[in-house]
Amino acid sequence: MVPKRRLTKDVAYYQIKQKIIYGEFNPDEVVREEQLSEMLEISRTPLRQALQMLEMEEFLIRQPNGRLKVASITKEEVEEIFQIRSMLEGSIARNAAANASSDDIKVLTEILEKLRQAYHFGYSQEFVAYGNDFHDYLAEISGLKTSVKLLSMIKDHANRYCHFVSMYGKWSNQVDEHALILEGIKNKDGAFAELAMKKHILSTLKDVINRIEDKANSKIGNTVD
């Protein structure tokens, strides 16, 4: 049997990370142990273990005064993350095109339709989730264990940036981009699928950077006013 304390730590870790990814905790917001302990209804010891894990993953940053704050949203970080993604996921798409069966094509088509519906109705959280499902399925059928493992190390940080954009409905051609990737998979054209995936990831990067810049300019405008 797994000790209860370990389970509590893991649950707290997951819940806090989700709140950071989905924007319930804002970038640069100070997090206080007493508030988190009350919110999650757990004791300080497992909470501190969870916070240490999130600090190691750089979702939380320790300040000089010892307090923890939510990591900032920065252009430098997102550029690095998405450049890495474009290379890894491009290779994954190429291999998925070679391996995809007719059943795999059917599953991907169904996910794409759900993505389209989420976009149509403005369901931002579902939109990101279905996008993840699409990418995860390609990773599963690619057979590239090392690439998939490396990708998993940055996935949650990437999701945080994706949700940061989806909150404001500023995606550019996301559904069409996924459709192009699927076209390459259907035709077993690995080169086409790889190129379409890389263009999609870099398009997402552009959306995120535009949103970061919009927010920065908005802050400057408010300061001037």
C-alpha atoms as a PDB file:
ATOM      1  CA  MET A   1       0.000   0.000   0.000  1.00  0.00           C
ATOM      2  CA  VAL A   2       1.276   3.485  -0.904  1.00  0.00           C
ATOM      3  CA  PRO A   3       1.599   5.769   2.145  1.00  0.00           C
ATOM      4  CA  LYS A   4      -1.184   8.344   2.430  1.00  0.00           C
ATOM      5  CA  ARG A   5       1.307  11.192   2.769  1.00  0.00           C
ATOM      6  CA  ARG A   6       2.839  10.379  -0.598  1.00  0.00           C
ATOM      7  CA  LEU A   7      -0.588  10.308  -2.235  1.00  0.00           C
ATOM      8  CA  THR A   8      -1.475  13.639  -0.643  1.00  0.00           C
ATOM      9  CA  LYS A   9       1.772  15.170  -1.891  1.00  0.00           C
ATOM     10  CA  ASP A  10       1.156  13.924  -5.424  1.00  0.00           C
ATOM     11  CA  VAL A  11      -2.437  15.141  -5.461  1.00  0.00           C
ATOM     12  CA  ALA A  12      -1.369  18.578  -4.220  1.00  0.00           C
ATOM     13  CA  TYR A  13       1.396  18.715  -6.830  1.00  0.00           C
ATOM     14  CA  TYR A  14      -1.067  17.913  -9.618  1.00  0.00           C
ATOM     15  CA  GLN A  15      -3.749  20.336  -8.429  1.00  0.00           C
ATOM     16  CA  ILE A  16      -1.375  23.274  -8.042  1.00  0.00           C
ATOM     17  CA  LYS A  17       0.273  22.589 -11.398  1.00  0.00           C
ATOM     18  CA  GLN A  18      -3.123  22.513 -13.109  1.00  0.00           C
ATOM     19  CA  LYS A  19      -4.038  25.840 -11.545  1.00  0.00           C
ATOM     20  CA  ILE A  20      -0.800  27.315 -12.921  1.00  0.00           C
ATOM     21  CA  ILE A  21      -1.235  25.794 -16.391  1.00  0.00           C
ATOM     22  CA  TYR A  22      -4.859  26.905 -16.704  1.00  0.00           C
ATOM     23  CA  GLY A  23      -4.292  30.403 -15.355  1.00  0.00           C
ATOM     24  CA  GLU A  24      -6.101  30.142 -12.035  1.00  0.00           C
ATOM     25  CA  PHE A  25      -2.795  31.250 -10.530  1.00  0.00           C
ATOM     26  CA  ASN A  26      -1.491  34.203 -12.509  1.00  0.00           C
ATOM     27  CA  PRO A  27       2.109  34.663 -13.675  1.00  0.00           C
ATOM     28  CA  ASP A  28       4.214  36.307 -10.940  1.00  0.00           C
ATOM     29  CA  GLU A  29       1.488  35.753  -8.339  1.00  0.00           C
ATOM     30  CA  VAL A  30       2.854  35.034  -4.865  1.00  0.00           C
ATOM     31  CA  VAL A  31       1.702  31.693  -3.471  1.00  0.00           C
ATOM     32  CA  ARG A  32       1.328  31.338   0.287  1.00  0.00           C
ATOM     33  CA  GLU A  33       1.504  28.047   2.109  1.00  0.00           C
ATOM     34  CA  GLU A  34      -1.260  28.871   4.559  1.00  0.00           C
ATOM     35  CA  GLN A  35      -3.709  29.723   1.769  1.00  0.00           C
ATOM     36  CA  LEU A  36      -2.822  26.639  -0.257  1.00  0.00           C
ATOM     37  CA  SER A  37      -3.054  24.414   2.792  1.00  0.00           C
ATOM     38  CA  GLU A  38      -6.555  25.702   3.503  1.00  0.00           C
ATOM     39  CA  MET A  39      -7.626  25.568  -0.151  1.00  0.00           C
ATOM     40  CA  LEU A  40      -6.428  21.998  -0.709  1.00  0.00           C
ATOM     41  CA  GLU A  41      -7.306  20.862   2.820  1.00  0.00           C
ATOM     42  CA  ILE A  42      -3.899  19.287   3.470  1.00  0.00           C
ATOM     43  CA  SER A  43      -1.189  19.680   6.079  1.00  0.00           C
ATOM     44  CA  ARG A  44       1.987  21.674   5.557  1.00  0.00           C
ATOM     45  CA  THR A  45       4.407  18.738   5.177  1.00  0.00           C
ATOM     46  CA  PRO A  46       2.956  17.175   1.988  1.00  0.00           C
ATOM     47  CA  LEU A  47       2.209  20.659   0.667  1.00  0.00           C
ATOM     48  CA  ARG A  48       5.858  21.676   1.011  1.00  0.00           C
ATOM     49  CA  GLN A  49       6.918  18.499  -0.779  1.00  0.00           C
ATOM     50  CA  ALA A  50       4.569  19.358  -3.641  1.00  0.00           C
ATOM     51  CA  LEU A  51       5.879  22.926  -3.777  1.00  0.00           C
ATOM     52  CA  GLN A  52       9.468  21.673  -3.916  1.00  0.00           C
ATOM     53  CA  MET A  53       8.597  19.507  -6.922  1.00  0.00           C
ATOM     54  CA  LEU A  54       6.988  22.457  -8.698  1.00  0.00           C
ATOM     55  CA  GLU A  55       9.983  24.634  -7.859  1.00  0.00           C
ATOM     56  CA  MET A  56      12.316  22.040  -9.383  1.00  0.00           C
ATOM     57  CA  GLU A  57      10.217  22.085 -12.569  1.00  0.00           C
ATOM     58  CA  GLU A  58      10.289  25.907 -12.530  1.00  0.00           C
ATOM     59  CA  PHE A  59       6.545  26.378 -12.343  1.00  0.00           C
ATOM     60  CA  LEU A  60       7.264  28.158  -9.074  1.00  0.00           C
ATOM     61  CA  ILE A  61      10.207  30.484  -8.480  1.00  0.00           C
ATOM     62  CA  ARG A  62      11.734  31.253  -5.091  1.00  0.00           C
ATOM     63  CA  GLN A  63      12.321  34.942  -4.522  1.00  0.00           C
ATOM     64  CA  PRO A  64      15.170  36.505  -2.531  1.00  0.00           C
ATOM     65  CA  ASN A  65      12.801  36.975   0.417  1.00  0.00           C
ATOM     66  CA  GLY A  66      12.136  33.228   0.452  1.00  0.00           C
ATOM     67  CA  ARG A  67       8.580  33.419  -0.833  1.00  0.00           C
ATOM     68  CA  LEU A  68       7.431  31.458  -3.873  1.00  0.00           C
ATOM     69  CA  LYS A  69       5.762  33.018  -6.875  1.00  0.00           C
ATOM     70  CA  VAL A  70       4.294  31.605 -10.068  1.00  0.00           C
ATOM     71  CA  ALA A  71       6.824  31.614 -12.908  1.00  0.00           C
ATOM     72  CA  SER A  72       6.627  34.506 -15.337  1.00  0.00           C
ATOM     73  CA  ILE A  73       5.432  34.246 -18.933  1.00  0.00           C
ATOM     74  CA  THR A  74       8.384  35.235 -21.132  1.00  0.00           C
ATOM     75  CA  LYS A  75       9.157  35.381 -24.842  1.00  0.00           C
ATOM     76  CA  GLU A  76      12.601  33.893 -24.239  1.00  0.00           C
ATOM     77  CA  GLU A  77      11.209  30.757 -22.598  1.00  0.00           C
ATOM     78  CA  VAL A  78       8.395  30.211 -25.071  1.00  0.00           C
ATOM     79  CA  GLU A  79      10.745  30.600 -28.047  1.00  0.00           C
ATOM     80  CA  GLU A  80      13.071  27.956 -26.658  1.00  0.00           C
ATOM     81  CA  ILE A  81      10.258  25.561 -25.768  1.00  0.00           C
ATOM     82  CA  PHE A  82       8.502  25.797 -29.112  1.00  0.00           C
ATOM     83  CA  GLN A  83      11.691  25.588 -31.183  1.00  0.00           C
ATOM     84  CA  ILE A  84      12.441  22.317 -29.403  1.00  0.00           C
ATOM     85  CA  ARG A  85       8.850  21.196 -29.931  1.00  0.00           C
ATOM     86  CA  SER A  86       8.995  21.891 -33.657  1.00  0.00           C
ATOM     87  CA  MET A  87      11.992  19.598 -34.091  1.00  0.00           C
ATOM     88  CA  LEU A  88      10.710  16.774 -31.881  1.00  0.00           C
ATOM     89  CA  GLU A  89       7.124  16.834 -33.104  1.00  0.00           C
ATOM     90  CA  GLY A  90       8.160  17.201 -36.727  1.00  0.00           C
ATOM     91  CA  SER A  91      10.085  13.954 -36.440  1.00  0.00           C
ATOM     92  CA  ILE A  92       7.173  12.335 -34.608  1.00  0.00           C
ATOM     93  CA  ALA A  93       4.750  13.336 -37.381  1.00  0.00           C
ATOM     94  CA  ARG A  94       7.073  11.908 -40.050  1.00  0.00           C
ATOM     95  CA  ASN A  95       7.227   8.549 -38.310  1.00  0.00           C
ATOM     96  CA  ALA A  96       3.524   8.543 -37.495  1.00  0.00           C
ATOM     97  CA  ALA A  97       2.787   8.943 -41.208  1.00  0.00           C
ATOM     98  CA  ALA A  98       4.752   5.769 -41.919  1.00  0.00           C
ATOM     99  CA  ASN A  99       3.111   3.784 -39.112  1.00  0.00           C
ATOM    100  CA  ALA A 100      -0.524   4.960 -39.151  1.00  0.00           C
ATOM    101  CA  SER A 101      -3.164   2.304 -39.832  1.00  0.00           C
ATOM    102  CA  SER A 102      -6.687   2.919 -41.142  1.00  0.00           C
ATOM    103  CA  ASP A 103      -7.929   2.694 -37.547  1.00  0.00           C
ATOM    104  CA  ASP A 104      -5.385   5.316 -36.502  1.00  0.00           C
ATOM    105  CA  ILE A 105      -6.593   7.624 -39.276  1.00  0.00           C
ATOM    106  CA  LYS A 106     -10.155   7.181 -38.012  1.00  0.00           C
ATOM    107  CA  VAL A 107      -9.179   8.093 -34.452  1.00  0.00           C
ATOM    108  CA  LEU A 108      -7.247  11.170 -35.587  1.00  0.00           C
ATOM    109  CA  THR A 109     -10.152  12.270 -37.775  1.00  0.00           C
ATOM    110  CA  GLU A 110     -12.534  12.003 -34.816  1.00  0.00           C
ATOM    111  CA  ILE A 111     -10.180  14.047 -32.627  1.00  0.00           C
ATOM    112  CA  LEU A 112      -9.877  16.698 -35.346  1.00  0.00           C
ATOM    113  CA  GLU A 113     -13.680  16.989 -35.517  1.00  0.00           C
ATOM    114  CA  LYS A 114     -13.857  17.470 -31.742  1.00  0.00           C
ATOM    115  CA  LEU A 115     -11.154  20.127 -32.047  1.00  0.00           C
ATOM    116  CA  ARG A 116     -13.170  21.867 -34.741  1.00  0.00           C
ATOM    117  CA  GLN A 117     -16.318  21.834 -32.615  1.00  0.00           C
ATOM    118  CA  ALA A 118     -14.476  23.183 -29.559  1.00  0.00           C
ATOM    119  CA  TYR A 119     -13.112  26.026 -31.663  1.00  0.00           C
ATOM    120  CA  HIS A 120     -16.548  26.748 -33.148  1.00  0.00           C
ATOM    121  CA  PHE A 121     -18.198  27.029 -29.737  1.00  0.00           C
ATOM    122  CA  GLY A 122     -15.301  28.853 -28.110  1.00  0.00           C
ATOM    123  CA  TYR A 123     -14.491  26.152 -25.562  1.00  0.00           C
ATOM    124  CA  SER A 124     -10.899  27.157 -24.879  1.00  0.00           C
ATOM    125  CA  GLN A 125      -9.972  24.482 -22.339  1.00  0.00           C
ATOM    126  CA  GLU A 126     -11.480  21.713 -24.465  1.00  0.00           C
ATOM    127  CA  PHE A 127      -9.751  23.153 -27.532  1.00  0.00           C
ATOM    128  CA  VAL A 128      -6.347  22.803 -25.882  1.00  0.00           C
ATOM    129  CA  ALA A 129      -7.255  19.347 -24.560  1.00  0.00           C
ATOM    130  CA  TYR A 130      -8.266  17.995 -27.983  1.00  0.00           C
ATOM    131  CA  GLY A 131      -5.151  19.506 -29.510  1.00  0.00           C
ATOM    132  CA  ASN A 132      -3.138  17.588 -26.932  1.00  0.00           C
ATOM    133  CA  ASP A 133      -5.052  14.409 -27.756  1.00  0.00           C
ATOM    134  CA  PHE A 134      -4.143  14.793 -31.423  1.00  0.00           C
ATOM    135  CA  HIS A 135      -0.452  15.315 -30.687  1.00  0.00           C
ATOM    136  CA  ASP A 136      -0.379  12.560 -28.068  1.00  0.00           C
ATOM    137  CA  TYR A 137      -1.876  10.057 -30.487  1.00  0.00           C
ATOM    138  CA  LEU A 138       0.748  10.860 -33.095  1.00  0.00           C
ATOM    139  CA  ALA A 139       3.424  10.364 -30.448  1.00  0.00           C
ATOM    140  CA  GLU A 140       1.906   7.026 -29.491  1.00  0.00           C
ATOM    141  CA  ILE A 141       1.999   5.634 -33.038  1.00  0.00           C
ATOM    142  CA  SER A 142       5.334   7.176 -33.997  1.00  0.00           C
ATOM    143  CA  GLY A 143       7.424   4.554 -32.215  1.00  0.00           C
ATOM    144  CA  LEU A 144       9.989   7.206 -31.225  1.00  0.00           C
ATOM    145  CA  LYS A 145      10.430   6.506 -27.522  1.00  0.00           C
ATOM    146  CA  THR A 146      13.305   8.923 -26.877  1.00  0.00           C
ATOM    147  CA  SER A 147      11.690  11.831 -28.744  1.00  0.00           C
ATOM    148  CA  VAL A 148       8.411  11.263 -26.921  1.00  0.00           C
ATOM    149  CA  LYS A 149      10.194  11.127 -23.563  1.00  0.00           C
ATOM    150  CA  LEU A 150      12.019  14.391 -24.269  1.00  0.00           C
ATOM    151  CA  LEU A 151       8.801  16.010 -25.423  1.00  0.00           C
ATOM    152  CA  SER A 152       7.044  15.007 -22.193  1.00  0.00           C
ATOM    153  CA  MET A 153       9.615  17.000 -20.228  1.00  0.00           C
ATOM    154  CA  ILE A 154       8.424  20.306 -21.727  1.00  0.00           C
ATOM    155  CA  LYS A 155       4.790  19.420 -22.429  1.00  0.00           C
ATOM    156  CA  ASP A 156       3.249  21.007 -19.325  1.00  0.00           C
ATOM    157  CA  HIS A 157       5.167  24.253 -19.858  1.00  0.00           C
ATOM    158  CA  ALA A 158       4.025  24.289 -23.494  1.00  0.00           C
ATOM    159  CA  ASN A 159       0.424  23.685 -22.392  1.00  0.00           C
ATOM    160  CA  ARG A 160       0.634  26.653 -20.076  1.00  0.00           C
ATOM    161  CA  TYR A 161       1.532  28.920 -22.982  1.00  0.00           C
ATOM    162  CA  CYS A 162      -1.138  27.350 -25.204  1.00  0.00           C
ATOM    163  CA  HIS A 163      -3.822  28.017 -22.621  1.00  0.00           C
ATOM    164  CA  PHE A 164      -2.451  31.531 -22.121  1.00  0.00           C
ATOM    165  CA  VAL A 165      -3.401  32.230 -25.750  1.00  0.00           C
ATOM    166  CA  SER A 166      -6.648  30.236 -25.860  1.00  0.00           C
ATOM    167  CA  MET A 167      -8.076  32.306 -22.997  1.00  0.00           C
ATOM    168  CA  TYR A 168      -8.202  35.248 -25.387  1.00  0.00           C
ATOM    169  CA  GLY A 169      -9.354  33.433 -28.535  1.00  0.00           C
ATOM    170  CA  LYS A 170      -6.367  34.483 -30.613  1.00  0.00           C
ATOM    171  CA  TRP A 171      -5.479  31.253 -32.384  1.00  0.00           C
ATOM    172  CA  SER A 172      -4.591  31.597 -36.060  1.00  0.00           C
ATOM    173  CA  ASN A 173      -5.724  28.738 -38.337  1.00  0.00           C
ATOM    174  CA  GLN A 174      -5.157  26.023 -35.706  1.00  0.00           C
ATOM    175  CA  VAL A 175      -7.856  23.681 -37.022  1.00  0.00           C
ATOM    176  CA  ASP A 176      -6.647  23.986 -40.624  1.00  0.00           C
ATOM    177  CA  GLU A 177      -3.072  23.344 -39.503  1.00  0.00           C
ATOM    178  CA  HIS A 178      -4.081  20.098 -37.788  1.00  0.00           C
ATOM    179  CA  ALA A 179      -6.032  19.123 -40.896  1.00  0.00           C
ATOM    180  CA  LEU A 180      -2.897  19.540 -43.024  1.00  0.00           C
ATOM    181  CA  ILE A 181      -0.910  17.336 -40.658  1.00  0.00           C
ATOM    182  CA  LEU A 182      -3.621  14.699 -40.903  1.00  0.00           C
ATOM    183  CA  GLU A 183      -3.549  14.953 -44.682  1.00  0.00           C
ATOM    184  CA  GLY A 184       0.130  14.038 -44.629  1.00  0.00           C
ATOM    185  CA  ILE A 185      -0.589  11.133 -42.279  1.00  0.00           C
ATOM    186  CA  LYS A 186      -3.411   9.848 -44.496  1.00  0.00           C
ATOM    187  CA  ASN A 187      -1.212   9.981 -47.593  1.00  0.00           C
ATOM    188  CA  LYS A 188       1.721   8.400 -45.746  1.00  0.00           C
ATOM    189  CA  ASP A 189       3.743  11.405 -46.841  1.00  0.00           C
ATOM    190  CA  GLY A 190       6.201  11.754 -43.976  1.00  0.00           C
ATOM    191  CA  ALA A 191       7.968  14.801 -45.378  1.00  0.00           C
ATOM    192  CA  PHE A 192       4.666  16.651 -45.815  1.00  0.00           C
ATOM    193  CA  ALA A 193       3.470  15.710 -42.317  1.00  0.00           C
ATOM    194  CA  GLU A 194       6.766  16.814 -40.779  1.00  0.00           C
ATOM    195  CA  LEU A 195       6.723  20.165 -42.555  1.00  0.00           C
ATOM    196  CA  ALA A 196       3.060  20.751 -41.677  1.00  0.00           C
ATOM    197  CA  MET A 197       3.762  19.967 -38.026  1.00  0.00           C
ATOM    198  CA  LYS A 198       6.758  22.298 -37.850  1.00  0.00           C
ATOM    199  CA  LYS A 199       4.734  25.110 -39.444  1.00  0.00           C
ATOM    200  CA  HIS A 200       1.925  24.473 -36.966  1.00  0.00           C
ATOM    201  CA  ILE A 201       4.224  24.629 -33.930  1.00  0.00           C
ATOM    202  CA  LEU A 202       5.914  27.803 -35.153  1.00  0.00           C
ATOM    203  CA  SER A 203       2.513  29.346 -35.907  1.00  0.00           C
ATOM    204  CA  THR A 204       1.517  28.610 -32.318  1.00  0.00           C
ATOM    205  CA  LEU A 205       4.751  30.246 -31.170  1.00  0.00           C
ATOM    206  CA  LYS A 206       3.832  33.363 -33.123  1.00  0.00           C
ATOM    207  CA  ASP A 207       0.381  33.440 -31.489  1.00  0.00           C
ATOM    208  CA  VAL A 208       1.887  33.180 -28.018  1.00  0.00           C
ATOM    209  CA  ILE A 209       4.465  35.895 -28.649  1.00  0.00           C
ATOM    210  CA  ASN A 210       1.784  38.200 -30.049  1.00  0.00           C
ATOM    211  CA  ARG A 211      -0.294  37.653 -26.911  1.00  0.00           C
ATOM    212  CA  ILE A 212       2.678  38.329 -24.621  1.00  0.00           C
ATOM    213  CA  GLU A 213       3.430  41.538 -26.508  1.00  0.00           C
ATOM    214  CA  ASP A 214      -0.226  42.612 -26.442  1.00  0.00           C
ATOM    215  CA  LYS A 215      -0.334  42.148 -22.694  1.00  0.00           C
ATOM    216  CA  ALA A 216       2.940  44.035 -22.216  1.00  0.00           C
ATOM    217  CA  ASN A 217       1.688  46.919 -24.341  1.00  0.00           C
ATOM    218  CA  SER A 218      -1.587  46.948 -22.414  1.00  0.00           C
ATOM    219  CA  LYS A 219       0.300  47.300 -19.140  1.00  0.00           C
ATOM    220  CA  ILE A 220       2.343  50.177 -20.562  1.00  0.00           C
ATOM    221  CA  GLY A 221      -0.856  51.881 -21.727  1.00  0.00           C
ATOM    222  CA  ASN A 222      -2.474  51.520 -18.323  1.00  0.00           C
ATOM    223  CA  THR A 223       0.629  52.954 -16.649  1.00  0.00           C
ATOM    224  CA  VAL A 224       0.603  55.980 -18.957  1.00  0.00           C
ATOM    225  CA  ASP A 225      -3.096  56.570 -18.339  1.00  0.00           C
END
